[in-house]
Protein backbone atom coordinates (compact mmCIF):
# COMPACT_ATOMS: atom_id res chain seq x y z
CA MET A 1 29.23 -55.70 32.16
CA ALA A 2 31.10 -52.19 32.70
CA ARG A 3 33.76 -52.87 35.17
CA GLY A 4 34.77 -49.56 37.63
CA ALA A 5 33.32 -46.83 35.02
CA GLY A 6 33.51 -44.03 37.00
CA LYS A 7 37.33 -44.33 37.41
CA VAL A 8 38.07 -46.11 33.98
CA GLY A 9 40.53 -43.87 31.67
CA ILE A 10 42.29 -44.06 28.34
CA LYS A 11 45.10 -45.98 29.81
CA ASP A 12 43.28 -48.91 31.29
CA VAL A 13 41.31 -48.67 27.42
CA ALA A 14 44.68 -49.28 26.44
CA GLY A 15 45.86 -51.68 28.71
CA ALA A 16 42.61 -53.90 28.38
CA ALA A 17 42.89 -53.77 24.39
CA ASP A 18 46.86 -54.48 24.35
CA VAL A 19 47.76 -50.54 22.48
CA SER A 20 49.16 -48.11 23.10
CA VAL A 21 47.64 -45.31 24.83
CA SER A 22 48.01 -42.88 21.27
CA THR A 23 46.67 -45.84 19.58
CA VAL A 24 43.34 -45.94 21.80
CA SER A 25 43.30 -41.85 20.95
CA HIS A 26 43.81 -42.32 17.16
CA VAL A 27 40.53 -44.86 17.35
CA LEU A 28 38.54 -43.11 19.08
CA ASN A 29 38.57 -39.47 17.24
CA GLY A 30 39.36 -40.93 13.63
CA THR A 31 42.89 -38.95 13.30
CA ALA A 32 45.04 -41.97 11.88
CA PRO A 33 44.03 -45.29 9.77
CA ILE A 34 43.57 -48.24 12.51
CA SER A 35 42.93 -51.84 11.04
CA ALA A 36 39.63 -53.36 11.75
CA GLU A 37 40.90 -56.11 14.06
CA VAL A 38 42.74 -53.62 16.32
CA ARG A 39 40.21 -50.71 16.31
CA ALA A 40 37.27 -53.39 17.29
CA ARG A 41 39.69 -54.47 19.82
CA VAL A 42 39.71 -50.59 21.15
CA LEU A 43 36.25 -50.17 20.75
CA ASP A 44 35.11 -53.43 22.39
CA ALA A 45 37.16 -52.94 25.50
CA ALA A 46 35.95 -48.86 25.88
CA SER A 47 32.70 -50.49 25.91
CA ASP A 48 33.37 -53.36 28.45
CA LEU A 49 34.92 -50.72 30.47
CA GLY A 50 31.90 -47.86 30.51
CA TYR A 51 34.62 -45.62 28.80
CA LEU A 52 32.62 -44.96 26.09
CA ALA A 53 29.57 -44.16 27.77
CA LYS A 54 31.73 -41.54 30.33
CA ARG A 55 32.98 -40.10 26.84
CA ARG A 56 29.19 -39.31 25.89
CA GLU A 57 27.78 -38.09 29.19
CA LYS A 58 30.25 -35.75 29.19
CA ALA A 59 30.22 -34.33 25.74
CA ALA A 60 26.28 -34.26 25.96
CA ILE A 61 26.24 -32.42 29.47
CA ALA A 62 28.81 -30.18 28.05
CA VAL A 63 27.06 -29.26 24.83
CA ILE A 64 23.18 -28.17 26.13
CA ARG A 65 23.27 -25.87 29.03
CA SER A 66 19.57 -24.42 28.39
CA ILE A 67 16.67 -25.53 26.35
CA LEU A 68 13.60 -23.25 25.68
CA LEU A 69 10.22 -26.10 25.66
CA ALA A 70 7.88 -25.13 23.55
CA VAL A 71 4.45 -27.13 24.84
CA PRO A 72 0.34 -26.94 24.02
CA SER A 73 -1.27 -26.27 27.74
CA ASP A 74 -2.62 -29.26 27.64
CA THR A 75 0.17 -31.36 27.92
CA LEU A 76 1.49 -30.17 31.38
CA PRO A 77 -1.04 -31.02 33.68
CA HIS A 78 -0.95 -34.89 34.72
CA SER A 79 -4.09 -36.31 33.46
CA GLN A 80 -5.98 -39.98 32.49
CA TYR A 81 -6.27 -38.30 29.16
CA ASN A 82 -2.40 -36.67 27.81
CA LEU A 83 -0.65 -40.03 29.22
CA PHE A 84 1.05 -39.87 25.86
CA SER A 85 2.74 -35.95 26.17
CA TRP A 86 3.41 -36.46 29.78
CA THR A 87 5.07 -39.70 29.82
CA LEU A 88 7.22 -37.86 27.15
CA LEU A 89 7.63 -34.47 28.92
CA SER A 90 8.59 -36.67 32.00
CA THR A 91 11.26 -38.41 30.68
CA LEU A 92 12.69 -35.55 29.09
CA MET A 93 12.52 -33.17 32.29
CA ARG A 94 14.46 -36.13 34.19
CA GLU A 95 16.85 -36.20 31.91
CA CYS A 96 17.44 -32.53 32.10
CA GLU A 97 17.46 -32.52 35.72
CA ARG A 98 19.89 -35.14 35.54
CA ARG A 99 22.35 -33.34 32.72
CA SER A 100 22.44 -29.70 34.81
CA ILE A 101 20.72 -28.62 31.84
CA ARG A 102 18.24 -25.43 32.17
CA VAL A 103 14.71 -26.02 31.08
CA VAL A 104 12.49 -22.09 30.54
CA PRO A 105 8.87 -23.87 29.70
CA LEU A 106 6.70 -21.89 27.11
CA GLU A 107 2.70 -22.51 26.28
CA VAL A 108 2.16 -21.70 22.89
CA ASP A 109 -1.26 -22.05 22.26
CA ASN A 110 -2.55 -20.28 25.84
CA PRO A 111 -2.98 -17.35 24.51
CA VAL A 112 -1.30 -18.95 21.12
CA VAL A 113 2.20 -17.78 20.74
CA ASP A 114 3.18 -16.78 17.82
CA ALA A 115 7.01 -17.00 15.62
CA ALA A 116 8.30 -13.81 16.41
CA GLN A 117 7.32 -14.44 20.22
CA LEU A 118 8.77 -17.87 20.19
CA VAL A 119 12.24 -16.58 18.67
CA ALA A 120 12.26 -13.32 20.48
CA GLU A 121 11.81 -15.20 23.88
CA ALA A 122 14.41 -17.84 22.98
CA ARG A 123 17.09 -15.01 22.57
CA ALA A 124 15.74 -12.98 25.78
CA GLN A 125 16.65 -16.06 27.56
CA ASP A 126 19.87 -16.89 26.24
CA VAL A 127 19.03 -20.32 25.48
CA ASP A 128 21.48 -23.34 23.37
CA GLY A 129 18.24 -24.48 21.38
CA ILE A 130 14.58 -24.77 21.09
CA LEU A 131 12.31 -28.23 21.69
CA LEU A 132 8.62 -28.23 20.25
CA LEU A 133 6.10 -30.94 20.94
CA ASN A 134 3.67 -31.82 18.75
CA GLU A 135 3.87 -27.90 17.52
CA ASP A 136 4.14 -28.35 14.00
CA ARG A 137 2.52 -24.92 12.19
CA PRO A 138 4.39 -24.28 9.31
CA ASP A 139 4.93 -20.61 10.00
CA LEU A 140 5.84 -21.41 13.13
CA LEU A 141 8.81 -23.75 11.93
CA ALA A 142 9.76 -21.49 9.56
CA GLU A 143 10.46 -18.38 11.50
CA ILE A 144 12.84 -20.68 13.45
CA ALA A 145 14.69 -22.34 11.28
CA GLN A 146 15.05 -18.49 9.91
CA SER A 147 16.09 -17.21 13.23
CA GLY A 148 19.16 -20.19 13.21
CA ILE A 149 18.50 -21.06 16.68
CA PRO A 150 19.00 -25.08 16.88
CA ALA A 151 15.43 -26.62 17.04
CA VAL A 152 14.28 -30.32 17.19
CA LEU A 153 9.85 -30.74 16.81
CA MET A 154 8.76 -33.42 18.77
CA ASN A 155 5.68 -35.66 17.58
CA GLY A 156 5.40 -33.62 14.45
CA GLU A 157 6.15 -32.73 10.97
CA ASP A 158 8.00 -30.40 9.51
CA GLN A 159 6.26 -30.77 5.66
CA GLU A 160 9.22 -28.56 4.60
CA MET A 161 12.18 -30.37 6.35
CA GLN A 162 13.83 -27.04 7.60
CA ILE A 163 14.28 -28.42 11.28
CA ASP A 164 15.24 -31.42 12.82
CA SER A 165 12.10 -33.65 13.79
CA VAL A 166 11.87 -37.23 16.05
CA THR A 167 8.84 -38.88 15.87
CA PRO A 168 7.32 -42.60 16.30
CA GLY A 169 7.02 -44.22 13.18
CA ASN A 170 3.49 -43.86 12.98
CA ARG A 171 3.00 -45.58 9.41
CA PHE A 172 4.68 -48.36 9.76
CA ALA A 173 3.14 -48.89 12.82
CA ALA A 174 -0.05 -48.46 11.93
CA ARG A 175 0.57 -50.87 8.66
CA TYR A 176 2.31 -53.48 11.29
CA ALA A 177 -1.07 -53.57 13.63
CA THR A 178 -3.15 -53.54 10.95
CA ASN A 179 -1.76 -56.60 8.72
CA TRP A 180 -1.23 -58.65 12.08
CA LEU A 181 -5.42 -58.30 12.26
CA ILE A 182 -5.41 -59.16 8.83
CA SER A 183 -3.57 -62.46 9.94
CA GLN A 184 -5.69 -63.07 12.55
CA GLY A 185 -8.54 -63.45 10.16
CA HIS A 186 -10.04 -60.19 9.45
CA ARG A 187 -11.02 -58.49 6.90
CA ASN A 188 -13.70 -55.85 7.62
CA ILE A 189 -11.97 -53.64 9.32
CA LEU A 190 -12.93 -50.14 10.96
CA HIS A 191 -9.98 -47.27 11.67
CA LEU A 192 -11.24 -45.07 14.14
CA THR A 193 -10.05 -41.87 13.91
CA TRP A 194 -9.82 -38.29 13.76
CA GLU A 195 -8.94 -34.84 11.79
CA GLY A 196 -6.06 -34.21 13.77
CA ARG A 197 -2.13 -33.33 12.85
CA SER A 198 -0.06 -34.76 9.70
CA THR A 199 1.26 -37.57 12.89
CA ILE A 200 -2.26 -39.33 12.92
CA ARG A 201 -3.16 -38.92 9.27
CA ARG A 202 -0.01 -41.08 8.60
CA ARG A 203 -1.61 -43.61 11.02
CA ARG A 204 -4.26 -43.52 8.19
CA ASP A 205 -2.15 -43.90 5.40
CA GLY A 206 -0.85 -46.86 7.17
CA PHE A 207 -3.84 -48.73 8.13
CA LEU A 208 -4.80 -48.48 4.21
CA ASP A 209 -1.39 -49.51 3.12
CA ALA A 210 -1.94 -53.05 4.81
CA PHE A 211 -4.74 -53.73 2.94
CA ARG A 212 -3.27 -52.91 -0.56
CA ALA A 213 -0.18 -54.84 0.50
CA ASN A 214 -2.34 -57.83 1.25
CA GLY A 215 -4.20 -57.13 -1.89
CA LEU A 216 -7.66 -56.21 -0.29
CA SER A 217 -10.46 -54.26 -1.23
CA LEU A 218 -10.04 -51.01 0.08
CA GLU A 219 -14.10 -51.02 0.01
CA THR A 220 -13.85 -53.00 3.42
CA ALA A 221 -11.14 -50.42 4.94
CA TYR A 222 -13.34 -48.30 7.05
CA ILE A 223 -12.52 -44.73 7.77
CA HIS A 224 -14.64 -43.57 10.37
CA HIS A 225 -14.08 -40.36 12.16
CA ALA A 226 -14.38 -39.04 16.06
CA ALA A 227 -14.32 -35.21 16.99
CA GLY A 228 -11.38 -35.74 18.81
CA TYR A 229 -9.33 -37.82 20.71
CA LEU A 230 -10.93 -38.39 24.14
CA PRO A 231 -12.82 -41.55 25.41
CA GLU A 232 -16.16 -40.47 25.61
CA MET A 233 -15.60 -39.07 21.59
CA GLY A 234 -14.86 -42.26 20.57
CA ALA A 235 -17.81 -43.71 22.89
CA GLU A 236 -20.16 -41.08 20.68
CA ALA A 237 -18.15 -42.39 17.03
CA ILE A 238 -19.11 -45.79 17.47
CA ARG A 239 -22.26 -45.25 18.64
CA ARG A 240 -22.71 -43.33 15.55
CA TRP A 241 -21.69 -45.98 13.67
CA VAL A 242 -23.56 -48.49 15.33
CA ASP A 243 -26.55 -46.21 15.01
CA LYS A 244 -26.21 -46.04 11.24
CA HIS A 245 -25.73 -49.63 10.13
CA GLN A 246 -27.77 -51.18 12.89
CA GLY A 247 -25.69 -52.98 14.81
CA LEU A 248 -21.79 -53.54 13.75
CA GLY A 249 -22.52 -53.27 9.92
CA GLY A 250 -19.84 -56.42 9.51
CA ILE A 251 -16.84 -54.90 10.92
CA THR A 252 -14.82 -58.06 13.04
CA ALA A 253 -12.23 -55.30 14.26
CA VAL A 254 -11.48 -51.58 15.14
CA PHE A 255 -8.57 -50.58 14.64
CA CYS A 256 -8.24 -46.90 16.48
CA ALA A 257 -5.94 -43.96 16.15
CA ALA A 258 -5.45 -43.53 19.92
CA ASP A 259 -5.53 -45.88 22.81
CA ASN A 260 -8.15 -42.72 24.39
CA LEU A 261 -10.44 -43.23 21.49
CA ALA A 262 -10.86 -47.65 21.95
CA LEU A 263 -11.24 -46.92 25.76
CA GLY A 264 -14.22 -45.09 25.14
CA VAL A 265 -15.38 -47.31 22.10
CA MET A 266 -14.57 -50.42 24.51
CA THR A 267 -16.68 -48.25 27.25
CA ALA A 268 -20.07 -47.49 24.95
CA LEU A 269 -20.31 -51.26 23.06
CA GLN A 270 -19.95 -52.73 26.52
CA GLN A 271 -22.98 -50.55 27.70
CA ASP A 272 -24.77 -51.58 24.48
CA GLY A 273 -24.36 -55.15 25.38
CA PHE A 274 -21.70 -55.89 23.11
CA SER A 275 -18.41 -58.45 24.44
CA MET A 276 -14.98 -57.91 23.03
CA PRO A 277 -13.01 -59.51 21.16
CA ARG A 278 -16.32 -62.10 20.86
CA ASP A 279 -18.51 -59.65 18.95
CA LEU A 280 -15.25 -56.77 18.10
CA SER A 281 -11.88 -56.64 18.23
CA ILE A 282 -10.15 -53.69 19.29
CA VAL A 283 -6.45 -52.76 18.69
CA GLY A 284 -5.27 -49.61 20.33
CA PHE A 285 -2.63 -46.90 19.45
CA ASP A 286 -0.14 -45.17 21.90
CA GLY A 287 0.47 -48.06 24.47
CA VAL A 288 -0.63 -45.97 27.46
CA ALA A 289 -0.59 -47.30 30.78
CA LEU A 290 -4.64 -46.90 30.99
CA GLY A 291 -5.09 -50.36 28.41
CA GLU A 292 -3.34 -52.45 30.60
CA PHE A 293 -6.42 -52.41 33.27
CA VAL A 294 -9.20 -52.76 31.22
CA SER A 295 -10.94 -55.24 30.73
CA PRO A 296 -10.30 -57.33 27.98
CA SER A 297 -6.69 -55.68 28.21
CA LEU A 298 -5.98 -53.61 25.16
CA THR A 299 -3.76 -54.70 22.54
CA THR A 300 -1.94 -51.31 21.27
CA VAL A 301 0.80 -50.35 19.14
CA SER A 302 3.09 -49.03 21.86
CA VAL A 303 5.65 -45.87 21.07
CA PRO A 304 8.84 -45.52 22.69
CA LEU A 305 7.66 -42.78 24.80
CA ASP A 306 10.60 -42.82 26.69
CA HIS A 307 13.25 -42.41 23.95
CA ILE A 308 11.45 -39.69 21.66
CA GLY A 309 12.64 -36.75 23.79
CA LEU A 310 16.18 -38.61 24.64
CA SER A 311 16.32 -38.38 20.70
CA ALA A 312 15.52 -34.75 20.83
CA LEU A 313 18.16 -34.10 22.89
CA HIS A 314 20.51 -36.04 21.02
CA LEU A 315 19.46 -34.06 17.48
CA LEU A 316 19.87 -30.77 19.18
CA GLU A 317 23.53 -31.79 20.22
CA GLN A 318 24.37 -32.64 16.95
CA ARG A 319 22.97 -29.65 15.29
CA ILE A 320 24.59 -27.14 17.58
CA VAL A 321 28.23 -29.35 17.58
CA ASN A 322 27.64 -29.44 13.74
CA ALA A 323 26.26 -25.71 13.35
CA ALA A 324 29.03 -24.82 11.01
CA ALA A 325 28.67 -26.81 8.39
CA GLN A 326 24.84 -26.01 8.25
CA PRO A 327 23.65 -30.06 7.83
CA PRO A 328 20.15 -30.85 6.38
CA ALA A 329 17.55 -31.18 8.42
CA HIS A 330 16.85 -34.69 10.26
CA ARG A 331 14.00 -36.51 10.94
CA LEU A 332 14.33 -39.47 12.70
CA GLU A 333 11.17 -42.02 12.85
CA LEU A 334 11.08 -43.98 16.44
CA GLY A 335 10.25 -47.72 15.84
CA CYS A 336 7.05 -49.03 17.44
CA ARG A 337 5.95 -52.43 18.72
CA LEU A 338 2.50 -54.07 19.21
CA THR A 339 1.78 -55.32 22.17
CA VAL A 340 -0.63 -58.02 21.95
CA ARG A 341 -3.00 -59.03 24.92
CA LYS A 342 -6.70 -59.93 25.01
CA SER A 343 -8.99 -57.17 23.13
CA VAL A 344 -8.58 -59.42 19.95
CA ARG A 345 -10.10 -62.79 18.50
CA VAL A 346 -8.64 -64.93 15.71
CA LEU A 347 -10.97 -65.40 12.89
CA THR A 348 -10.94 -68.79 11.57
């Protein structure tokens, strides 16, 4: 546990590590070769005293003064259908407030803002960098990259790898969840998705990866499309499947590309007399709060929403600090976890 982190200084670290102040300085700044044993002792002492955390925080505050936050309009109001984006942005805004970072919001889709307008607004506001949420139009990303303004894309993919990005590990997480369903005895699984951006397609890719990894035929890895991600669209899609097959069509589980879809599926099937997980197991993706309170509670892939914005700020800091070196773009994927609840039945 950190002791007196607010008052600790380099002399305290030196005393705790039993080394000179100059040695601590060399270790922390990498300005001289230091033995592994001494280096470890200094870093352990600095961490225990809270000095490392304080030093990082000071550096972060000094680097970023203002950002342009470019977001789609539907991510701003707080509703039960946009909890993914709203939670991400809420955490980001709290961190910016804590660091006294000025945030200039810009809606990019109502009306549609083109690349030149976005770059012009960033220059007019004299921001240190740009954060974009979900907005991965290739032309937009290309012009931002050419502008030289540091930028990070959140929850999106830059196919050309021109700017930094941070996103959930969608493909790996979907593969993990599908592997788990297979380990529970499920072989005929429906993936309910929609024609979304590449981040959503990665979830489909991971679903299929799991079948291949387990040596299973892709003929029982069904892909079914909803019109979008809203619950009523999931309800309509599963009813379309049931009508076409005059029942469940042999599937024992549905892996939904979003919790919203899963909630719609559960509502529709329950209204039509099906019982979950007895008749059908359901898994979602996102880990939004609503899944915890439905019956049965929803098993889901939980995305680290509280860390996406923080990671984006860190990437932006690094881009600003190292601008002269022009480092290649970074693509950061964050690990997700499977939250097992009561919507899945084990098949014998």
